[in-house]
PDB file of N, CA and C in Angstrom:
ATOM      1  N   UNK A   1      96.484  99.632  20.810  1.00  0.00           N
ATOM      2  CA  UNK A   1      95.194 100.524  21.503  1.00  0.00           C
ATOM      3  C   UNK A   1      95.386 101.957  21.104  1.00  0.00           C
ATOM      4  N   UNK A   2      93.939 102.116  20.384  1.00  0.00           N
ATOM      5  CA  UNK A   2      93.852 103.572  19.858  1.00  0.00           C
ATOM      6  C   UNK A   2      93.055 104.582  20.721  1.00  0.00           C
ATOM      7  N   UNK A   3      93.728 105.611  20.877  1.00  0.00           N
ATOM      8  CA  UNK A   3      93.129 106.818  21.831  1.00  0.00           C
ATOM      9  C   UNK A   3      92.274 107.894  21.290  1.00  0.00           C
ATOM     10  N   UNK A   4      91.076 108.050  21.303  1.00  0.00           N
ATOM     11  CA  UNK A   4      90.260 109.080  21.172  1.00  0.00           C
ATOM     12  C   UNK A   4      89.945 110.539  21.917  1.00  0.00           C
ATOM     13  N   UNK A   5      89.533 111.562  21.449  1.00  0.00           N
ATOM     14  CA  UNK A   5      89.230 112.689  22.414  1.00  0.00           C
ATOM     15  C   UNK A   5      89.156 112.445  23.384  1.00  0.00           C
ATOM     16  N   UNK A   6      89.700 113.146  24.139  1.00  0.00           N
ATOM     17  CA  UNK A   6      89.342 113.553  25.732  1.00  0.00           C
ATOM     18  C   UNK A   6      87.547 114.164  25.763  1.00  0.00           C
ATOM     19  N   UNK A   7      86.646 114.046  26.127  1.00  0.00           N
ATOM     20  CA  UNK A   7      85.457 114.547  26.466  1.00  0.00           C
ATOM     21  C   UNK A   7      84.721 114.454  27.883  1.00  0.00           C
ATOM     22  N   UNK A   8      83.921 115.404  28.171  1.00  0.00           N
ATOM     23  CA  UNK A   8      83.469 115.749  29.098  1.00  0.00           C
ATOM     24  C   UNK A   8      82.454 115.148  29.621  1.00  0.00           C
ATOM     25  N   UNK A   9      82.237 114.803  30.791  1.00  0.00           N
ATOM     26  CA  UNK A   9      80.919 114.443  31.442  1.00  0.00           C
ATOM     27  C   UNK A   9      79.867 115.547  31.674  1.00  0.00           C
ATOM     28  N   UNK A  10      78.868 114.944  30.860  1.00  0.00           N
ATOM     29  CA  UNK A  10      77.874 116.770  31.323  1.00  0.00           C
ATOM     30  C   UNK A  10      76.821 116.477  32.254  1.00  0.00           C
ATOM     31  N   UNK A  11      76.362 117.513  32.385  1.00  0.00           N
ATOM     32  CA  UNK A  11      76.009 117.641  34.227  1.00  0.00           C
ATOM     33  C   UNK A  11      74.692 116.465  34.237  1.00  0.00           C
ATOM     34  N   UNK A  12      74.127 115.644  33.626  1.00  0.00           N
ATOM     35  CA  UNK A  12      73.311 114.770  33.533  1.00  0.00           C
ATOM     36  C   UNK A  12      73.908 113.273  33.399  1.00  0.00           C
ATOM     37  N   UNK A  13      75.443 113.250  33.353  1.00  0.00           N
ATOM     38  CA  UNK A  13      76.047 112.044  33.350  1.00  0.00           C
ATOM     39  C   UNK A  13      76.243 112.176  32.234  1.00  0.00           C
ATOM     40  N   UNK A  14      75.957 112.355  31.303  1.00  0.00           N
ATOM     41  CA  UNK A  14      76.059 111.466  29.576  1.00  0.00           C
ATOM     42  C   UNK A  14      77.455 112.035  29.047  1.00  0.00           C
ATOM     43  N   UNK A  15      77.943 111.246  28.104  1.00  0.00           N
ATOM     44  CA  UNK A  15      79.203 111.181  27.390  1.00  0.00           C
ATOM     45  C   UNK A  15      79.249 111.019  26.176  1.00  0.00           C
ATOM     46  N   UNK A  16      79.612 111.793  25.354  1.00  0.00           N
ATOM     47  CA  UNK A  16      80.024 111.544  24.106  1.00  0.00           C
ATOM     48  C   UNK A  16      80.714 110.502  23.422  1.00  0.00           C
ATOM     49  N   UNK A  17      80.385 109.496  23.034  1.00  0.00           N
ATOM     50  CA  UNK A  17      81.481 108.532  22.137  1.00  0.00           C
ATOM     51  C   UNK A  17      81.769 109.030  20.522  1.00  0.00           C
ATOM     52  N   UNK A  18      83.283 109.247  20.745  1.00  0.00           N
ATOM     53  CA  UNK A  18      83.342 109.770  19.444  1.00  0.00           C
ATOM     54  C   UNK A  18      82.926 109.231  17.915  1.00  0.00           C
ATOM     55  N   UNK A  19      82.553 109.787  16.880  1.00  0.00           N
ATOM     56  CA  UNK A  19      81.826 109.410  15.928  1.00  0.00           C
ATOM     57  C   UNK A  19      83.125 108.011  15.332  1.00  0.00           C
ATOM     58  N   UNK A  20      83.745 108.224  15.383  1.00  0.00           N
ATOM     59  CA  UNK A  20      85.185 107.403  14.585  1.00  0.00           C
ATOM     60  C   UNK A  20      84.546 105.840  15.270  1.00  0.00           C
ATOM     61  N   UNK A  21      84.743 106.074  16.173  1.00  0.00           N
ATOM     62  CA  UNK A  21      84.703 105.043  17.622  1.00  0.00           C
ATOM     63  C   UNK A  21      83.250 104.087  17.218  1.00  0.00           C
ATOM     64  N   UNK A  22      82.577 105.143  17.250  1.00  0.00           N
ATOM     65  CA  UNK A  22      81.341 104.488  16.946  1.00  0.00           C
ATOM     66  C   UNK A  22      81.121 103.524  15.397  1.00  0.00           C
ATOM     67  N   UNK A  23      81.529 104.433  14.824  1.00  0.00           N
ATOM     68  CA  UNK A  23      81.496 104.001  13.227  1.00  0.00           C
ATOM     69  C   UNK A  23      82.314 102.510  13.203  1.00  0.00           C
ATOM     70  N   UNK A  24      83.786 102.552  13.545  1.00  0.00           N
ATOM     71  CA  UNK A  24      84.447 101.399  13.976  1.00  0.00           C
ATOM     72  C   UNK A  24      84.145 100.176  14.346  1.00  0.00           C
ATOM     73  N   UNK A  25      83.100 100.421  15.434  1.00  0.00           N
ATOM     74  CA  UNK A  25      82.514  99.130  16.493  1.00  0.00           C
ATOM     75  C   UNK A  25      80.869  98.950  15.823  1.00  0.00           C
ATOM     76  N   UNK A  26      80.522  99.520  14.671  1.00  0.00           N
ATOM     77  CA  UNK A  26      79.399  99.873  14.297  1.00  0.00           C
ATOM     78  C   UNK A  26      78.154 100.262  15.377  1.00  0.00           C
ATOM     79  N   UNK A  27      78.780 101.340  16.031  1.00  0.00           N
ATOM     80  CA  UNK A  27      77.196 101.526  17.349  1.00  0.00           C
ATOM     81  C   UNK A  27      76.450 102.381  16.678  1.00  0.00           C
ATOM     82  N   UNK A  28      75.303 102.253  16.956  1.00  0.00           N
ATOM     83  CA  UNK A  28      74.362 103.024  16.236  1.00  0.00           C
ATOM     84  C   UNK A  28      73.433 103.173  17.569  1.00  0.00           C
ATOM     85  N   UNK A  29      72.651 104.203  17.257  1.00  0.00           N
ATOM     86  CA  UNK A  29      71.299 104.488  18.470  1.00  0.00           C
ATOM     87  C   UNK A  29      70.472 103.270  18.706  1.00  0.00           C
ATOM     88  N   UNK A  30      70.640 102.792  19.806  1.00  0.00           N
ATOM     89  CA  UNK A  30      69.737 101.525  21.131  1.00  0.00           C
ATOM     90  C   UNK A  30      70.807 100.971  20.950  1.00  0.00           C
ATOM     91  N   UNK A  31      72.164 100.930  20.522  1.00  0.00           N
ATOM     92  CA  UNK A  31      73.126 100.066  20.690  1.00  0.00           C
ATOM     93  C   UNK A  31      73.320  99.450  22.056  1.00  0.00           C
ATOM     94  N   UNK A  32      73.635  98.732  22.641  1.00  0.00           N
ATOM     95  CA  UNK A  32      73.651  98.234  24.156  1.00  0.00           C
ATOM     96  C   UNK A  32      75.255  98.088  24.592  1.00  0.00           C
ATOM     97  N   UNK A  33      75.867  98.574  25.532  1.00  0.00           N
ATOM     98  CA  UNK A  33      77.293  98.437  25.778  1.00  0.00           C
ATOM     99  C   UNK A  33      77.045  97.491  27.029  1.00  0.00           C
ATOM    100  N   UNK A  34      77.847  96.504  27.663  1.00  0.00           N
ATOM    101  CA  UNK A  34      77.624  96.550  29.147  1.00  0.00           C
ATOM    102  C   UNK A  34      78.848  97.146  29.580  1.00  0.00           C
ATOM    103  N   UNK A  35      78.787  97.353  31.068  1.00  0.00           N
ATOM    104  CA  UNK A  35      79.708  98.371  31.777  1.00  0.00           C
ATOM    105  C   UNK A  35      80.646  97.437  32.794  1.00  0.00           C
ATOM    106  N   UNK A  36      81.836  97.386  32.953  1.00  0.00           N
ATOM    107  CA  UNK A  36      82.323  96.719  33.686  1.00  0.00           C
ATOM    108  C   UNK A  36      83.422  97.930  34.269  1.00  0.00           C
ATOM    109  N   UNK A  37      83.176  97.901  35.898  1.00  0.00           N
ATOM    110  CA  UNK A  37      84.408  98.901  36.529  1.00  0.00           C
ATOM    111  C   UNK A  37      85.720  97.712  37.116  1.00  0.00           C
ATOM    112  N   UNK A  38      86.792  98.287  36.311  1.00  0.00           N
ATOM    113  CA  UNK A  38      88.156  97.931  37.440  1.00  0.00           C
ATOM    114  C   UNK A  38      88.964  99.046  37.646  1.00  0.00           C
ATOM    115  N   UNK A  39      88.838  98.993  38.958  1.00  0.00           N
ATOM    116  CA  UNK A  39      89.483  99.764  39.716  1.00  0.00           C
ATOM    117  C   UNK A  39      89.245 101.361  39.482  1.00  0.00           C
ATOM    118  N   UNK A  40      89.646 102.495  38.713  1.00  0.00           N
ATOM    119  CA  UNK A  40      89.449 103.473  37.958  1.00  0.00           C
ATOM    120  C   UNK A  40      89.066 103.728  36.525  1.00  0.00           C
ATOM    121  N   UNK A  41      88.843 102.592  36.170  1.00  0.00           N
ATOM    122  CA  UNK A  41      88.619 102.734  34.547  1.00  0.00           C
ATOM    123  C   UNK A  41      86.721 102.017  34.220  1.00  0.00           C
ATOM    124  N   UNK A  42      86.610 102.492  33.261  1.00  0.00           N
ATOM    125  CA  UNK A  42      85.277 101.645  32.685  1.00  0.00           C
ATOM    126  C   UNK A  42      85.429 101.233  31.622  1.00  0.00           C
ATOM    127  N   UNK A  43      85.248  99.718  31.462  1.00  0.00           N
ATOM    128  CA  UNK A  43      85.672  99.400  30.141  1.00  0.00           C
ATOM    129  C   UNK A  43      84.002  98.612  29.783  1.00  0.00           C
ATOM    130  N   UNK A  44      83.554  99.107  28.808  1.00  0.00           N
ATOM    131  CA  UNK A  44      82.564  98.768  27.946  1.00  0.00           C
ATOM    132  C   UNK A  44      82.711  98.226  26.880  1.00  0.00           C
ATOM    133  N   UNK A  45      81.760  97.086  26.258  1.00  0.00           N
ATOM    134  CA  UNK A  45      81.723  95.960  25.510  1.00  0.00           C
ATOM    135  C   UNK A  45      79.905  95.700  24.697  1.00  0.00           C
ATOM    136  N   UNK A  46      80.030  96.206  23.508  1.00  0.00           N
ATOM    137  CA  UNK A  46      79.063  95.473  23.011  1.00  0.00           C
ATOM    138  C   UNK A  46      78.373  94.499  23.419  1.00  0.00           C
ATOM    139  N   UNK A  47      76.868  94.664  23.663  1.00  0.00           N
ATOM    140  CA  UNK A  47      76.500  93.358  23.614  1.00  0.00           C
ATOM    141  C   UNK A  47      74.903  93.533  22.901  1.00  0.00           C
ATOM    142  N   UNK A  48      74.576  92.387  22.561  1.00  0.00           N
ATOM    143  CA  UNK A  48      73.005  92.198  22.018  1.00  0.00           C
ATOM    144  C   UNK A  48      71.869  91.838  22.971  1.00  0.00           C
ATOM    145  N   UNK A  49      72.436  91.396  24.141  1.00  0.00           N
ATOM    146  CA  UNK A  49      71.217  91.366  24.804  1.00  0.00           C
ATOM    147  C   UNK A  49      71.386  91.852  26.303  1.00  0.00           C
ATOM    148  N   UNK A  50      70.496  91.722  27.014  1.00  0.00           N
ATOM    149  CA  UNK A  50      70.388  92.575  28.171  1.00  0.00           C
ATOM    150  C   UNK A  50      71.103  91.082  28.899  1.00  0.00           C
ATOM    151  N   UNK A  51      71.774  91.464  30.227  1.00  0.00           N
ATOM    152  CA  UNK A  51      72.562  90.335  31.046  1.00  0.00           C
ATOM    153  C   UNK A  51      71.793  90.462  32.057  1.00  0.00           C
ATOM    154  N   UNK A  52      71.839  89.307  32.780  1.00  0.00           N
ATOM    155  CA  UNK A  52      71.185  88.605  33.386  1.00  0.00           C
ATOM    156  C   UNK A  52      71.975  88.479  34.776  1.00  0.00           C
ATOM    157  N   UNK A  53      73.065  88.740  34.777  1.00  0.00           N
ATOM    158  CA  UNK A  53      73.975  88.565  36.077  1.00  0.00           C
ATOM    159  C   UNK A  53      73.871  90.010  36.888  1.00  0.00           C
ATOM    160  N   UNK A  54      73.496  90.978  36.446  1.00  0.00           N
ATOM    161  CA  UNK A  54      73.318  92.318  37.425  1.00  0.00           C
ATOM    162  C   UNK A  54      74.363  93.274  36.893  1.00  0.00           C
ATOM    163  N   UNK A  55      75.457  93.013  35.586  1.00  0.00           N
ATOM    164  CA  UNK A  55      75.874  94.428  34.917  1.00  0.00           C
ATOM    165  C   UNK A  55      75.097  95.097  34.924  1.00  0.00           C
ATOM    166  N   UNK A  56      76.147  96.119  34.669  1.00  0.00           N
ATOM    167  CA  UNK A  56      75.076  97.075  34.168  1.00  0.00           C
ATOM    168  C   UNK A  56      75.248  97.219  32.847  1.00  0.00           C
ATOM    169  N   UNK A  57      74.091  97.789  31.757  1.00  0.00           N
ATOM    170  CA  UNK A  57      74.233  98.220  30.671  1.00  0.00           C
ATOM    171  C   UNK A  57      73.816  99.488  30.393  1.00  0.00           C
ATOM    172  N   UNK A  58      74.398  99.936  29.334  1.00  0.00           N
ATOM    173  CA  UNK A  58      73.680 101.444  28.990  1.00  0.00           C
ATOM    174  C   UNK A  58      73.624 101.624  28.011  1.00  0.00           C
ATOM    175  N   UNK A  59      72.588 102.552  26.844  1.00  0.00           N
ATOM    176  CA  UNK A  59      72.792 102.547  25.246  1.00  0.00           C
ATOM    177  C   UNK A  59      73.072 103.843  25.073  1.00  0.00           C
ATOM    178  N   UNK A  60      73.588 103.709  23.618  1.00  0.00           N
ATOM    179  CA  UNK A  60      73.842 104.315  22.778  1.00  0.00           C
ATOM    180  C   UNK A  60      72.711 105.092  22.416  1.00  0.00           C
ATOM    181  N   UNK A  61      72.661 107.003  23.033  1.00  0.00           N
ATOM    182  CA  UNK A  61      71.246 106.857  21.889  1.00  0.00           C
ATOM    183  C   UNK A  61      71.713 107.874  20.362  1.00  0.00           C
ATOM    184  N   UNK A  62      70.837 108.796  20.300  1.00  0.00           N
ATOM    185  CA  UNK A  62      70.830 109.156  18.808  1.00  0.00           C
ATOM    186  C   UNK A  62      71.507 110.151  18.646  1.00  0.00           C
ATOM    187  N   UNK A  63      72.076 110.766  19.460  1.00  0.00           N
ATOM    188  CA  UNK A  63      73.408 111.775  19.419  1.00  0.00           C
ATOM    189  C   UNK A  63      74.975 111.051  19.388  1.00  0.00           C
ATOM    190  N   UNK A  64      74.507 110.103  19.703  1.00  0.00           N
ATOM    191  CA  UNK A  64      75.656 109.058  20.085  1.00  0.00           C
ATOM    192  C   UNK A  64      76.501 109.384  21.643  1.00  0.00           C
ATOM    193  N   UNK A  65      75.550 109.555  22.708  1.00  0.00           N
ATOM    194  CA  UNK A  65      75.927 109.953  24.093  1.00  0.00           C
ATOM    195  C   UNK A  65      75.592 108.441  24.814  1.00  0.00           C
ATOM    196  N   UNK A  66      76.261 108.268  25.675  1.00  0.00           N
ATOM    197  CA  UNK A  66      75.607 107.186  27.151  1.00  0.00           C
ATOM    198  C   UNK A  66      75.682 107.595  28.195  1.00  0.00           C
ATOM    199  N   UNK A  67      74.841 107.269  28.578  1.00  0.00           N
ATOM    200  CA  UNK A  67      74.757 107.934  30.349  1.00  0.00           C
ATOM    201  C   UNK A  67      75.048 106.733  30.657  1.00  0.00           C
ATOM    202  N   UNK A  68      76.428 107.188  31.878  1.00  0.00           N
ATOM    203  CA  UNK A  68      76.711 106.561  32.821  1.00  0.00           C
ATOM    204  C   UNK A  68      76.197 106.609  34.032  1.00  0.00           C
ATOM    205  N   UNK A  69      75.513 105.835  34.554  1.00  0.00           N
ATOM    206  CA  UNK A  69      74.750 105.736  35.472  1.00  0.00           C
ATOM    207  C   UNK A  69      75.762 106.457  36.935  1.00  0.00           C
ATOM    208  N   UNK A  70      74.967 106.848  37.684  1.00  0.00           N
ATOM    209  CA  UNK A  70      75.375 107.729  38.744  1.00  0.00           C
ATOM    210  C   UNK A  70      76.242 106.635  39.780  1.00  0.00           C
ATOM    211  N   UNK A  71      75.632 105.283  40.157  1.00  0.00           N
ATOM    212  CA  UNK A  71      76.504 104.123  40.962  1.00  0.00           C
ATOM    213  C   UNK A  71      77.857 103.564  40.258  1.00  0.00           C
ATOM    214  N   UNK A  72      77.683 104.156  38.840  1.00  0.00           N
ATOM    215  CA  UNK A  72      78.747 103.977  37.854  1.00  0.00           C
ATOM    216  C   UNK A  72      80.149 105.168  38.440  1.00  0.00           C
ATOM    217  N   UNK A  73      79.776 106.266  38.120  1.00  0.00           N
ATOM    218  CA  UNK A  73      80.538 107.515  38.025  1.00  0.00           C
ATOM    219  C   UNK A  73      80.952 107.507  39.695  1.00  0.00           C
ATOM    220  N   UNK A  74      80.034 107.062  40.785  1.00  0.00           N
ATOM    221  CA  UNK A  74      80.518 107.473  42.216  1.00  0.00           C
ATOM    222  C   UNK A  74      81.745 106.028  42.305  1.00  0.00           C
ATOM    223  N   UNK A  75      81.193 105.013  42.035  1.00  0.00           N
ATOM    224  CA  UNK A  75      82.602 104.104  41.970  1.00  0.00           C
ATOM    225  C   UNK A  75      83.780 104.051  41.526  1.00  0.00           C
ATOM    226  N   UNK A  76      83.927 104.836  39.988  1.00  0.00           N
ATOM    227  CA  UNK A  76      85.041 105.081  39.897  1.00  0.00           C
ATOM    228  C   UNK A  76      85.847 106.697  39.996  1.00  0.00           C
ATOM    229  N   UNK A  77      84.762 107.208  41.224  1.00  0.00           N
ATOM    230  CA  UNK A  77      85.319 108.300  41.384  1.00  0.00           C
ATOM    231  C   UNK A  77      85.181 109.513  40.438  1.00  0.00           C
ATOM    232  N   UNK A  78      84.019 109.374  39.948  1.00  0.00           N
ATOM    233  CA  UNK A  78      84.126 110.485  38.563  1.00  0.00           C
ATOM    234  C   UNK A  78      83.143 111.242  38.898  1.00  0.00           C
ATOM    235  N   UNK A  79      82.851 112.935  38.512  1.00  0.00           N
ATOM    236  CA  UNK A  79      82.172 113.879  38.827  1.00  0.00           C
ATOM    237  C   UNK A  79      81.508 114.190  37.529  1.00  0.00           C
ATOM    238  N   UNK A  80      80.318 115.104  37.507  1.00  0.00           N
ATOM    239  CA  UNK A  80      80.186 116.101  36.197  1.00  0.00           C
ATOM    240  C   UNK A  80      81.176 116.626  35.989  1.00  0.00           C
ATOM    241  N   UNK A  81      81.197 117.426  34.720  1.00  0.00           N
ATOM    242  CA  UNK A  81      82.151 118.224  34.130  1.00  0.00           C
ATOM    243  C   UNK A  81      83.556 117.274  34.154  1.00  0.00           C
ATOM    244  N   UNK A  82      83.812 116.556  34.609  1.00  0.00           N
ATOM    245  CA  UNK A  82      85.375 115.430  34.313  1.00  0.00           C
ATOM    246  C   UNK A  82      85.347 115.194  32.873  1.00  0.00           C
ATOM    247  N   UNK A  83      86.815 115.239  33.064  1.00  0.00           N
ATOM    248  CA  UNK A  83      87.088 114.792  31.584  1.00  0.00           C
ATOM    249  C   UNK A  83      87.550 113.146  31.419  1.00  0.00           C
ATOM    250  N   UNK A  84      86.964 112.379  30.505  1.00  0.00           N
ATOM    251  CA  UNK A  84      87.210 111.245  30.498  1.00  0.00           C
ATOM    252  C   UNK A  84      87.953 110.750  28.972  1.00  0.00           C
ATOM    253  N   UNK A  85      88.948 110.481  29.119  1.00  0.00           N
ATOM    254  CA  UNK A  85      89.887 109.619  28.052  1.00  0.00           C
ATOM    255  C   UNK A  85      88.990 108.160  27.186  1.00  0.00           C
ATOM    256  N   UNK A  86      89.231 108.407  26.334  1.00  0.00           N
ATOM    257  CA  UNK A  86      88.392 107.081  25.477  1.00  0.00           C
ATOM    258  C   UNK A  86      89.501 106.337  25.023  1.00  0.00           C
ATOM    259  N   UNK A  87      89.768 104.824  25.030  1.00  0.00           N
ATOM    260  CA  UNK A  87      90.773 104.236  24.355  1.00  0.00           C
ATOM    261  C   UNK A  87      89.829 102.746  23.631  1.00  0.00           C
ATOM    262  N   UNK A  88      90.115 102.615  22.571  1.00  0.00           N
ATOM    263  CA  UNK A  88      89.785 101.246  21.780  1.00  0.00           C
ATOM    264  C   UNK A  88      90.642 100.215  21.268  1.00  0.00           C
ATOM    265  N   UNK A  89      89.990  98.727  22.073  1.00  0.00           N
ATOM    266  CA  UNK A  89      91.235  97.932  22.107  1.00  0.00           C
ATOM    267  C   UNK A  89      89.753  96.413  21.274  1.00  0.00           C
ATOM    268  N   UNK A  90      90.495  96.472  20.277  1.00  0.00           N
ATOM    269  CA  UNK A  90      89.327  95.396  19.850  1.00  0.00           C
ATOM    270  C   UNK A  90      88.002  95.397  19.706  1.00  0.00           C
ATOM    271  N   UNK A  91      86.917  94.605  20.416  1.00  0.00           N
ATOM    272  CA  UNK A  91      85.706  95.592  20.387  1.00  0.00           C
ATOM    273  C   UNK A  91      85.664  95.982  21.939  1.00  0.00           C
ATOM    274  N   UNK A  92      86.503  96.340  22.338  1.00  0.00           N
ATOM    275  CA  UNK A  92      86.075  97.160  24.088  1.00  0.00           C
ATOM    276  C   UNK A  92      86.395  98.609  23.737  1.00  0.00           C
ATOM    277  N   UNK A  93      85.673  99.269  24.690  1.00  0.00           N
ATOM    278  CA  UNK A  93      86.121 100.588  24.433  1.00  0.00           C
ATOM    279  C   UNK A  93      86.493 100.947  26.379  1.00  0.00           C
ATOM    280  N   UNK A  94      87.665 101.346  26.281  1.00  0.00           N
ATOM    281  CA  UNK A  94      87.918 101.833  28.066  1.00  0.00           C
ATOM    282  C   UNK A  94      87.798 103.117  28.056  1.00  0.00           C
ATOM    283  N   UNK A  95      87.574 103.470  29.505  1.00  0.00           N
ATOM    284  CA  UNK A  95      87.295 105.046  29.693  1.00  0.00           C
ATOM    285  C   UNK A  95      87.963 105.016  30.830  1.00  0.00           C
ATOM    286  N   UNK A  96      89.220 106.073  30.916  1.00  0.00           N
ATOM    287  CA  UNK A  96      89.258 106.665  31.920  1.00  0.00           C
ATOM    288  C   UNK A  96      89.771 107.869  32.699  1.00  0.00           C
ATOM    289  N   UNK A  97      89.506 108.283  33.692  1.00  0.00           N
ATOM    290  CA  UNK A  97      89.233 110.010  33.771  1.00  0.00           C
ATOM    291  C   UNK A  97      90.979 110.508  33.422  1.00  0.00           C
ATOM    292  N   UNK A  98      90.902 111.377  32.939  1.00  0.00           N
ATOM    293  CA  UNK A  98      91.477 112.275  31.991  1.00  0.00           C
ATOM    294  C   UNK A  98      92.623 112.617  32.701  1.00  0.00           C
TER     295      UNK A  98
END
């Protein structure tokens, strides 16, 4: 499992994904990531289609940011200006508070 730089959630709930991580997983502007919460971590998995199961999907913007929805941040106990650590294993991105 590879760890990347800690990132801070901005005042709008956005988080920048490291460029190396985006390159490794071929994430570009418009790429979709399915978000699954497990305890206090978020697991992001690239997905080609929107899910119909009610799972949360976020998009990568042109600056490499993702918007973590407020309901997800609340479920994880994350607040704006909190630091988050990003890990990559296979095609999964694991986020947890630093």
